Amino acid sequence: MAFGSLENSGDDEPLAEINMVPLIDVMLVLLIIFMVTAPLLTHAVKVDLPKASSTPNQQRNTPVQLTMDGERRLFWNGVPVDSAQLAQRLESVAAAESQTEVQLRIARTVPYEHVAQLMSEAARRGVTRIGFVTEPESGR
């Protein structure tokens, strides 16, 4: 796009310069957008999952305590179980008419991957009522 004067000088060649003002305006708008949204993307929430303050859940049936200790050993109401026994016991809980809640007591040092595998195994066996047992927060 050539700009010229009203005088006819016989020089009809276009200007070889790029108008930088619109490009700078777009760049500044994008810079402001990134400055506003960047802190939202890098914000992380630190969560300490094993502690919670809540009221105890009242149960009609006695819940089953499924415990996983720091060495990832499983205990069914305090009795050690292997994976085959666990599968049988989960199926028996799922088959009961008034399904009992399975409460997971997981050690703080157990990686979440193992907790997720345990929950998916329970769901695969038909258990739909799963709860987490936590320690109350200190200071209450």
N, C-alpha and C. Protein backbone atom coordinates (compact mmCIF):
# COMPACT_ATOMS: atom_id res chain seq x y z
N MET A 1 0.85 -1.15 0.00
CA MET A 1 0.00 0.00 0.00
C MET A 1 0.90 1.22 0.00
N ALA A 2 0.74 2.01 -0.98
CA ALA A 2 1.63 3.17 -1.13
C ALA A 2 0.91 4.43 -0.66
N PHE A 3 1.66 5.26 0.01
CA PHE A 3 1.15 6.56 0.42
C PHE A 3 1.84 7.62 -0.41
N GLY A 4 1.11 8.58 -0.78
CA GLY A 4 1.72 9.62 -1.60
C GLY A 4 1.19 10.99 -1.23
N SER A 5 1.68 11.94 -1.93
CA SER A 5 1.22 13.31 -1.69
C SER A 5 0.28 13.71 -2.80
N LEU A 6 -0.28 14.88 -2.67
CA LEU A 6 -1.20 15.37 -3.68
C LEU A 6 -0.46 15.89 -4.91
N GLU A 7 0.80 16.09 -4.74
CA GLU A 7 1.58 16.59 -5.88
C GLU A 7 1.91 15.44 -6.81
N ASN A 8 1.88 15.69 -8.05
CA ASN A 8 2.21 14.68 -9.05
C ASN A 8 3.67 14.83 -9.43
N SER A 9 4.49 14.03 -8.78
CA SER A 9 5.92 14.13 -9.06
C SER A 9 6.37 13.11 -10.09
N GLY A 10 5.46 12.26 -10.53
CA GLY A 10 5.81 11.27 -11.52
C GLY A 10 6.43 10.02 -10.92
N ASP A 11 6.53 9.98 -9.61
CA ASP A 11 7.12 8.83 -8.93
C ASP A 11 5.98 7.97 -8.37
N ASP A 12 5.56 6.94 -9.12
CA ASP A 12 4.44 6.11 -8.71
C ASP A 12 4.88 4.79 -8.10
N GLU A 13 6.09 4.69 -7.63
CA GLU A 13 6.58 3.43 -7.04
C GLU A 13 6.02 3.27 -5.63
N PRO A 14 5.65 2.05 -5.27
CA PRO A 14 5.16 1.82 -3.89
C PRO A 14 6.31 1.91 -2.89
N LEU A 15 5.94 2.23 -1.67
CA LEU A 15 6.94 2.30 -0.62
C LEU A 15 7.37 0.88 -0.23
N ALA A 16 8.63 0.68 0.06
CA ALA A 16 9.15 -0.63 0.40
C ALA A 16 9.21 -0.83 1.92
N GLU A 17 8.55 -0.02 2.69
CA GLU A 17 8.58 -0.12 4.14
C GLU A 17 7.30 -0.80 4.64
N ILE A 18 7.43 -1.55 5.71
CA ILE A 18 6.28 -2.18 6.35
C ILE A 18 5.82 -1.27 7.48
N ASN A 19 4.54 -1.05 7.54
CA ASN A 19 4.00 -0.23 8.62
C ASN A 19 4.00 -1.08 9.90
N MET A 20 4.84 -0.75 10.86
CA MET A 20 5.05 -1.55 12.06
C MET A 20 4.04 -1.24 13.17
N VAL A 21 3.33 -0.15 13.11
CA VAL A 21 2.44 0.24 14.20
C VAL A 21 1.35 -0.81 14.46
N PRO A 22 0.65 -1.33 13.44
CA PRO A 22 -0.37 -2.36 13.74
C PRO A 22 0.25 -3.63 14.32
N LEU A 23 1.43 -4.00 13.86
CA LEU A 23 2.08 -5.20 14.38
C LEU A 23 2.48 -5.01 15.85
N ILE A 24 2.95 -3.85 16.19
CA ILE A 24 3.31 -3.57 17.59
C ILE A 24 2.07 -3.56 18.47
N ASP A 25 0.97 -3.03 17.97
CA ASP A 25 -0.28 -3.03 18.74
C ASP A 25 -0.74 -4.46 19.03
N VAL A 26 -0.71 -5.32 18.04
CA VAL A 26 -1.10 -6.71 18.24
C VAL A 26 -0.17 -7.39 19.23
N MET A 27 1.13 -7.14 19.11
CA MET A 27 2.10 -7.74 20.01
C MET A 27 1.85 -7.29 21.46
N LEU A 28 1.55 -6.03 21.67
CA LEU A 28 1.29 -5.54 23.02
C LEU A 28 0.02 -6.13 23.60
N VAL A 29 -1.01 -6.28 22.81
CA VAL A 29 -2.24 -6.91 23.28
C VAL A 29 -1.98 -8.36 23.68
N LEU A 30 -1.25 -9.10 22.86
CA LEU A 30 -0.91 -10.49 23.19
C LEU A 30 -0.06 -10.57 24.44
N LEU A 31 0.88 -9.63 24.60
CA LEU A 31 1.72 -9.60 25.79
C LEU A 31 0.88 -9.41 27.05
N ILE A 32 -0.09 -8.51 26.99
CA ILE A 32 -0.97 -8.28 28.15
C ILE A 32 -1.80 -9.52 28.45
N ILE A 33 -2.31 -10.17 27.42
CA ILE A 33 -3.10 -11.39 27.62
C ILE A 33 -2.25 -12.46 28.29
N PHE A 34 -1.03 -12.67 27.82
CA PHE A 34 -0.16 -13.68 28.43
C PHE A 34 0.25 -13.31 29.84
N MET A 35 0.43 -12.03 30.10
CA MET A 35 0.79 -11.61 31.46
C MET A 35 -0.35 -11.86 32.44
N VAL A 36 -1.58 -11.76 31.98
CA VAL A 36 -2.72 -11.99 32.85
C VAL A 36 -2.96 -13.49 33.05
N THR A 37 -2.83 -14.28 32.00
CA THR A 37 -3.16 -15.70 32.11
C THR A 37 -2.02 -16.57 32.60
N ALA A 38 -0.78 -16.17 32.47
CA ALA A 38 0.35 -17.01 32.88
C ALA A 38 0.33 -17.35 34.37
N PRO A 39 0.06 -16.43 35.28
CA PRO A 39 0.01 -16.82 36.70
C PRO A 39 -1.09 -17.84 37.01
N LEU A 40 -2.17 -17.82 36.26
CA LEU A 40 -3.23 -18.78 36.48
C LEU A 40 -2.81 -20.19 36.09
N LEU A 41 -1.95 -20.31 35.09
CA LEU A 41 -1.52 -21.62 34.63
C LEU A 41 -0.46 -22.23 35.53
N THR A 42 0.33 -21.42 36.19
CA THR A 42 1.41 -21.96 37.02
C THR A 42 1.02 -22.08 38.48
N HIS A 43 -0.19 -21.70 38.84
CA HIS A 43 -0.62 -21.77 40.24
C HIS A 43 -0.85 -23.23 40.62
N ALA A 44 -0.22 -23.67 41.69
CA ALA A 44 -0.37 -25.04 42.17
C ALA A 44 -0.93 -25.01 43.58
N VAL A 45 -1.79 -25.96 43.86
CA VAL A 45 -2.38 -26.07 45.19
C VAL A 45 -1.71 -27.24 45.90
N LYS A 46 -1.13 -26.98 47.06
CA LYS A 46 -0.52 -28.04 47.84
C LYS A 46 -1.59 -28.67 48.71
N VAL A 47 -1.72 -29.99 48.62
CA VAL A 47 -2.76 -30.70 49.34
C VAL A 47 -2.12 -31.80 50.17
N ASP A 48 -2.49 -31.89 51.42
CA ASP A 48 -2.04 -32.97 52.29
C ASP A 48 -3.24 -33.90 52.50
N LEU A 49 -3.36 -34.92 51.68
CA LEU A 49 -4.57 -35.74 51.63
C LEU A 49 -4.86 -36.58 52.86
N PRO A 50 -3.88 -37.16 53.53
CA PRO A 50 -4.24 -38.08 54.61
C PRO A 50 -4.94 -37.46 55.81
N LYS A 51 -4.88 -36.15 56.00
CA LYS A 51 -5.53 -35.53 57.16
C LYS A 51 -6.80 -34.82 56.71
N ALA A 52 -7.84 -34.99 57.52
CA ALA A 52 -9.10 -34.31 57.22
C ALA A 52 -9.89 -34.16 58.51
N SER A 53 -10.71 -33.15 58.55
CA SER A 53 -11.58 -32.98 59.70
C SER A 53 -13.02 -33.11 59.22
N SER A 54 -13.67 -34.12 59.70
CA SER A 54 -15.06 -34.35 59.33
C SER A 54 -15.72 -35.14 60.44
N THR A 55 -17.01 -35.23 60.37
CA THR A 55 -17.72 -36.02 61.36
C THR A 55 -17.73 -37.47 60.92
N PRO A 56 -17.68 -38.40 61.85
CA PRO A 56 -17.70 -39.81 61.47
C PRO A 56 -19.00 -40.18 60.78
N ASN A 57 -18.88 -41.06 59.81
CA ASN A 57 -20.04 -41.53 59.07
C ASN A 57 -20.72 -42.64 59.87
N GLN A 58 -22.00 -42.48 60.14
CA GLN A 58 -22.74 -43.48 60.91
C GLN A 58 -23.15 -44.62 59.98
N GLN A 59 -22.81 -45.83 60.37
CA GLN A 59 -23.08 -47.01 59.55
C GLN A 59 -24.16 -47.87 60.19
N ARG A 60 -25.02 -48.44 59.37
CA ARG A 60 -25.98 -49.43 59.87
C ARG A 60 -25.28 -50.76 60.06
N ASN A 61 -24.47 -51.14 59.09
CA ASN A 61 -23.70 -52.37 59.16
C ASN A 61 -22.28 -52.04 59.62
N THR A 62 -21.62 -53.02 60.16
CA THR A 62 -20.23 -52.82 60.54
C THR A 62 -19.39 -52.77 59.27
N PRO A 63 -18.66 -51.67 59.03
CA PRO A 63 -17.88 -51.59 57.79
C PRO A 63 -16.67 -52.53 57.83
N VAL A 64 -16.21 -52.87 56.66
CA VAL A 64 -15.02 -53.70 56.51
C VAL A 64 -13.82 -52.76 56.44
N GLN A 65 -12.81 -53.03 57.24
CA GLN A 65 -11.58 -52.23 57.24
C GLN A 65 -10.56 -52.92 56.33
N LEU A 66 -10.25 -52.30 55.21
CA LEU A 66 -9.23 -52.80 54.30
C LEU A 66 -8.02 -51.89 54.45
N THR A 67 -6.93 -52.43 54.98
CA THR A 67 -5.76 -51.64 55.33
C THR A 67 -4.60 -51.99 54.41
N MET A 68 -3.85 -50.97 53.98
CA MET A 68 -2.61 -51.17 53.23
C MET A 68 -1.52 -50.42 54.00
N ASP A 69 -0.51 -51.17 54.45
CA ASP A 69 0.55 -50.54 55.24
C ASP A 69 1.64 -50.00 54.33
N GLY A 70 2.69 -49.48 54.92
CA GLY A 70 3.78 -48.86 54.16
C GLY A 70 4.50 -49.81 53.22
N GLU A 71 4.48 -51.12 53.53
CA GLU A 71 5.12 -52.12 52.65
C GLU A 71 4.13 -52.67 51.63
N ARG A 72 2.95 -52.06 51.55
CA ARG A 72 1.87 -52.40 50.60
C ARG A 72 1.29 -53.79 50.85
N ARG A 73 1.31 -54.22 52.12
CA ARG A 73 0.63 -55.47 52.50
C ARG A 73 -0.82 -55.14 52.80
N LEU A 74 -1.71 -56.07 52.46
CA LEU A 74 -3.15 -55.85 52.65
C LEU A 74 -3.65 -56.61 53.87
N PHE A 75 -4.56 -55.96 54.60
CA PHE A 75 -5.18 -56.56 55.79
C PHE A 75 -6.68 -56.36 55.70
N TRP A 76 -7.44 -57.44 55.89
CA TRP A 76 -8.90 -57.40 55.89
C TRP A 76 -9.34 -57.51 57.35
N ASN A 77 -9.82 -56.42 57.91
CA ASN A 77 -10.19 -56.34 59.32
C ASN A 77 -9.04 -56.82 60.21
N GLY A 78 -7.82 -56.45 59.88
CA GLY A 78 -6.66 -56.78 60.68
C GLY A 78 -6.00 -58.11 60.34
N VAL A 79 -6.60 -58.89 59.46
CA VAL A 79 -6.05 -60.20 59.08
C VAL A 79 -5.36 -60.06 57.73
N PRO A 80 -4.09 -60.51 57.61
CA PRO A 80 -3.40 -60.40 56.32
C PRO A 80 -4.10 -61.23 55.24
N VAL A 81 -4.21 -60.64 54.04
CA VAL A 81 -4.81 -61.34 52.89
C VAL A 81 -3.91 -61.16 51.68
N ASP A 82 -3.98 -62.15 50.77
CA ASP A 82 -3.27 -62.00 49.50
C ASP A 82 -4.29 -61.56 48.44
N SER A 83 -3.85 -61.43 47.20
CA SER A 83 -4.74 -60.90 46.16
C SER A 83 -5.90 -61.83 45.85
N ALA A 84 -5.70 -63.15 45.91
CA ALA A 84 -6.80 -64.09 45.63
C ALA A 84 -7.85 -64.02 46.74
N GLN A 85 -7.41 -63.97 48.00
CA GLN A 85 -8.36 -63.87 49.11
C GLN A 85 -9.10 -62.53 49.06
N LEU A 86 -8.38 -61.48 48.70
CA LEU A 86 -9.00 -60.17 48.59
C LEU A 86 -10.12 -60.18 47.56
N ALA A 87 -9.87 -60.79 46.40
CA ALA A 87 -10.88 -60.85 45.34
C ALA A 87 -12.12 -61.59 45.83
N GLN A 88 -11.94 -62.72 46.53
CA GLN A 88 -13.08 -63.49 47.03
C GLN A 88 -13.87 -62.68 48.05
N ARG A 89 -13.18 -62.00 48.95
CA ARG A 89 -13.87 -61.25 49.99
C ARG A 89 -14.60 -60.02 49.42
N LEU A 90 -13.99 -59.38 48.42
CA LEU A 90 -14.67 -58.25 47.78
C LEU A 90 -15.94 -58.71 47.06
N GLU A 91 -15.87 -59.87 46.41
CA GLU A 91 -17.06 -60.41 45.73
C GLU A 91 -18.15 -60.77 46.73
N SER A 92 -17.77 -61.29 47.90
CA SER A 92 -18.79 -61.63 48.90
C SER A 92 -19.44 -60.36 49.46
N VAL A 93 -18.67 -59.29 49.62
CA VAL A 93 -19.25 -58.03 50.09
C VAL A 93 -20.19 -57.47 49.02
N ALA A 94 -19.81 -57.57 47.76
CA ALA A 94 -20.64 -57.05 46.67
C ALA A 94 -21.92 -57.86 46.51
N ALA A 95 -21.87 -59.16 46.82
CA ALA A 95 -23.04 -60.02 46.65
C ALA A 95 -24.04 -59.86 47.78
N ALA A 96 -23.64 -59.29 48.91
CA ALA A 96 -24.55 -59.14 50.03
C ALA A 96 -25.69 -58.20 49.66
N GLU A 97 -26.88 -58.48 50.20
CA GLU A 97 -28.06 -57.69 49.86
C GLU A 97 -27.92 -56.24 50.30
N SER A 98 -27.58 -56.03 51.56
CA SER A 98 -27.32 -54.67 52.04
C SER A 98 -25.80 -54.50 52.05
N GLN A 99 -25.32 -53.97 50.97
CA GLN A 99 -23.87 -53.94 50.76
C GLN A 99 -23.16 -53.15 51.86
N THR A 100 -22.16 -53.77 52.44
CA THR A 100 -21.37 -53.16 53.49
C THR A 100 -20.34 -52.23 52.86
N GLU A 101 -20.04 -51.15 53.55
CA GLU A 101 -19.03 -50.22 53.06
C GLU A 101 -17.64 -50.78 53.33
N VAL A 102 -16.76 -50.65 52.36
CA VAL A 102 -15.36 -51.02 52.52
C VAL A 102 -14.60 -49.73 52.80
N GLN A 103 -14.01 -49.65 53.98
CA GLN A 103 -13.27 -48.46 54.36
C GLN A 103 -11.77 -48.71 54.17
N LEU A 104 -11.17 -47.85 53.38
CA LEU A 104 -9.74 -47.97 53.07
C LEU A 104 -8.93 -47.19 54.10
N ARG A 105 -7.99 -47.87 54.72
CA ARG A 105 -7.04 -47.25 55.64
C ARG A 105 -5.68 -47.42 54.98
N ILE A 106 -5.21 -46.36 54.36
CA ILE A 106 -3.99 -46.42 53.57
C ILE A 106 -2.91 -45.63 54.28
N ALA A 107 -1.71 -46.21 54.37
CA ALA A 107 -0.58 -45.50 54.99
C ALA A 107 -0.22 -44.29 54.14
N ARG A 108 0.27 -43.27 54.80
CA ARG A 108 0.61 -42.02 54.14
C ARG A 108 1.69 -42.20 53.08
N THR A 109 2.59 -43.15 53.25
CA THR A 109 3.72 -43.32 52.34
C THR A 109 3.39 -44.14 51.09
N VAL A 110 2.19 -44.70 51.01
CA VAL A 110 1.81 -45.51 49.85
C VAL A 110 1.54 -44.59 48.67
N PRO A 111 2.15 -44.85 47.51
CA PRO A 111 1.88 -44.02 46.33
C PRO A 111 0.41 -44.13 45.89
N TYR A 112 -0.07 -43.05 45.33
CA TYR A 112 -1.47 -43.00 44.91
C TYR A 112 -1.80 -44.06 43.86
N GLU A 113 -0.84 -44.45 43.07
CA GLU A 113 -1.06 -45.47 42.04
C GLU A 113 -1.59 -46.77 42.66
N HIS A 114 -1.04 -47.16 43.81
CA HIS A 114 -1.48 -48.40 44.47
C HIS A 114 -2.88 -48.24 45.06
N VAL A 115 -3.20 -47.06 45.54
CA VAL A 115 -4.54 -46.79 46.05
C VAL A 115 -5.55 -46.88 44.91
N ALA A 116 -5.21 -46.31 43.77
CA ALA A 116 -6.10 -46.35 42.61
C ALA A 116 -6.30 -47.78 42.12
N GLN A 117 -5.23 -48.58 42.14
CA GLN A 117 -5.36 -49.98 41.73
C GLN A 117 -6.27 -50.75 42.68
N LEU A 118 -6.14 -50.49 43.97
CA LEU A 118 -6.99 -51.16 44.97
C LEU A 118 -8.45 -50.77 44.78
N MET A 119 -8.69 -49.48 44.52
CA MET A 119 -10.06 -49.03 44.30
C MET A 119 -10.65 -49.62 43.02
N SER A 120 -9.86 -49.70 41.96
CA SER A 120 -10.37 -50.26 40.71
C SER A 120 -10.63 -51.76 40.86
N GLU A 121 -9.82 -52.46 41.65
CA GLU A 121 -10.06 -53.88 41.91
C GLU A 121 -11.38 -54.06 42.66
N ALA A 122 -11.64 -53.22 43.64
CA ALA A 122 -12.90 -53.29 44.38
C ALA A 122 -14.08 -53.00 43.46
N ALA A 123 -13.95 -51.99 42.62
CA ALA A 123 -15.03 -51.66 41.69
C ALA A 123 -15.25 -52.78 40.68
N ARG A 124 -14.18 -53.40 40.23
CA ARG A 124 -14.28 -54.51 39.26
C ARG A 124 -15.02 -55.69 39.88
N ARG A 125 -14.86 -55.89 41.18
CA ARG A 125 -15.53 -56.99 41.88
C ARG A 125 -16.96 -56.65 42.27
N GLY A 126 -17.39 -55.42 42.04
CA GLY A 126 -18.78 -55.04 42.28
C GLY A 126 -19.03 -54.22 43.53
N VAL A 127 -17.98 -53.82 44.24
CA VAL A 127 -18.16 -53.01 45.44
C VAL A 127 -18.42 -51.57 45.01
N THR A 128 -19.50 -51.00 45.51
CA THR A 128 -19.84 -49.62 45.14
C THR A 128 -19.72 -48.65 46.31
N ARG A 129 -19.63 -49.16 47.52
CA ARG A 129 -19.52 -48.28 48.69
C ARG A 129 -18.10 -48.37 49.24
N ILE A 130 -17.29 -47.37 48.92
CA ILE A 130 -15.90 -47.31 49.36
C ILE A 130 -15.70 -46.00 50.10
N GLY A 131 -15.09 -46.07 51.27
CA GLY A 131 -14.81 -44.87 52.05
C GLY A 131 -13.34 -44.80 52.41
N PHE A 132 -12.88 -43.61 52.78
CA PHE A 132 -11.50 -43.41 53.20
C PHE A 132 -11.48 -43.04 54.68
N VAL A 133 -10.56 -43.64 55.41
CA VAL A 133 -10.40 -43.32 56.82
C VAL A 133 -9.18 -42.42 56.93
N THR A 134 -9.36 -41.29 57.60
CA THR A 134 -8.26 -40.34 57.78
C THR A 134 -8.07 -40.06 59.25
N GLU A 135 -6.94 -39.52 59.59
CA GLU A 135 -6.69 -39.09 60.95
C GLU A 135 -7.20 -37.67 61.10
N PRO A 136 -7.74 -37.34 62.28
CA PRO A 136 -8.18 -35.96 62.47
C PRO A 136 -6.99 -35.01 62.49
N GLU A 137 -7.21 -33.78 62.09
CA GLU A 137 -6.15 -32.80 62.08
C GLU A 137 -5.71 -32.52 63.50
N SER A 138 -4.43 -32.32 63.70
CA SER A 138 -3.94 -32.00 65.03
C SER A 138 -4.34 -30.59 65.39
N GLY A 139 -4.61 -30.35 66.67
CA GLY A 139 -5.01 -29.02 67.09
C GLY A 139 -6.50 -28.87 67.25
N ARG A 140 -7.25 -29.91 67.06
CA ARG A 140 -8.71 -29.84 67.24
C ARG A 140 -9.13 -30.68 68.40
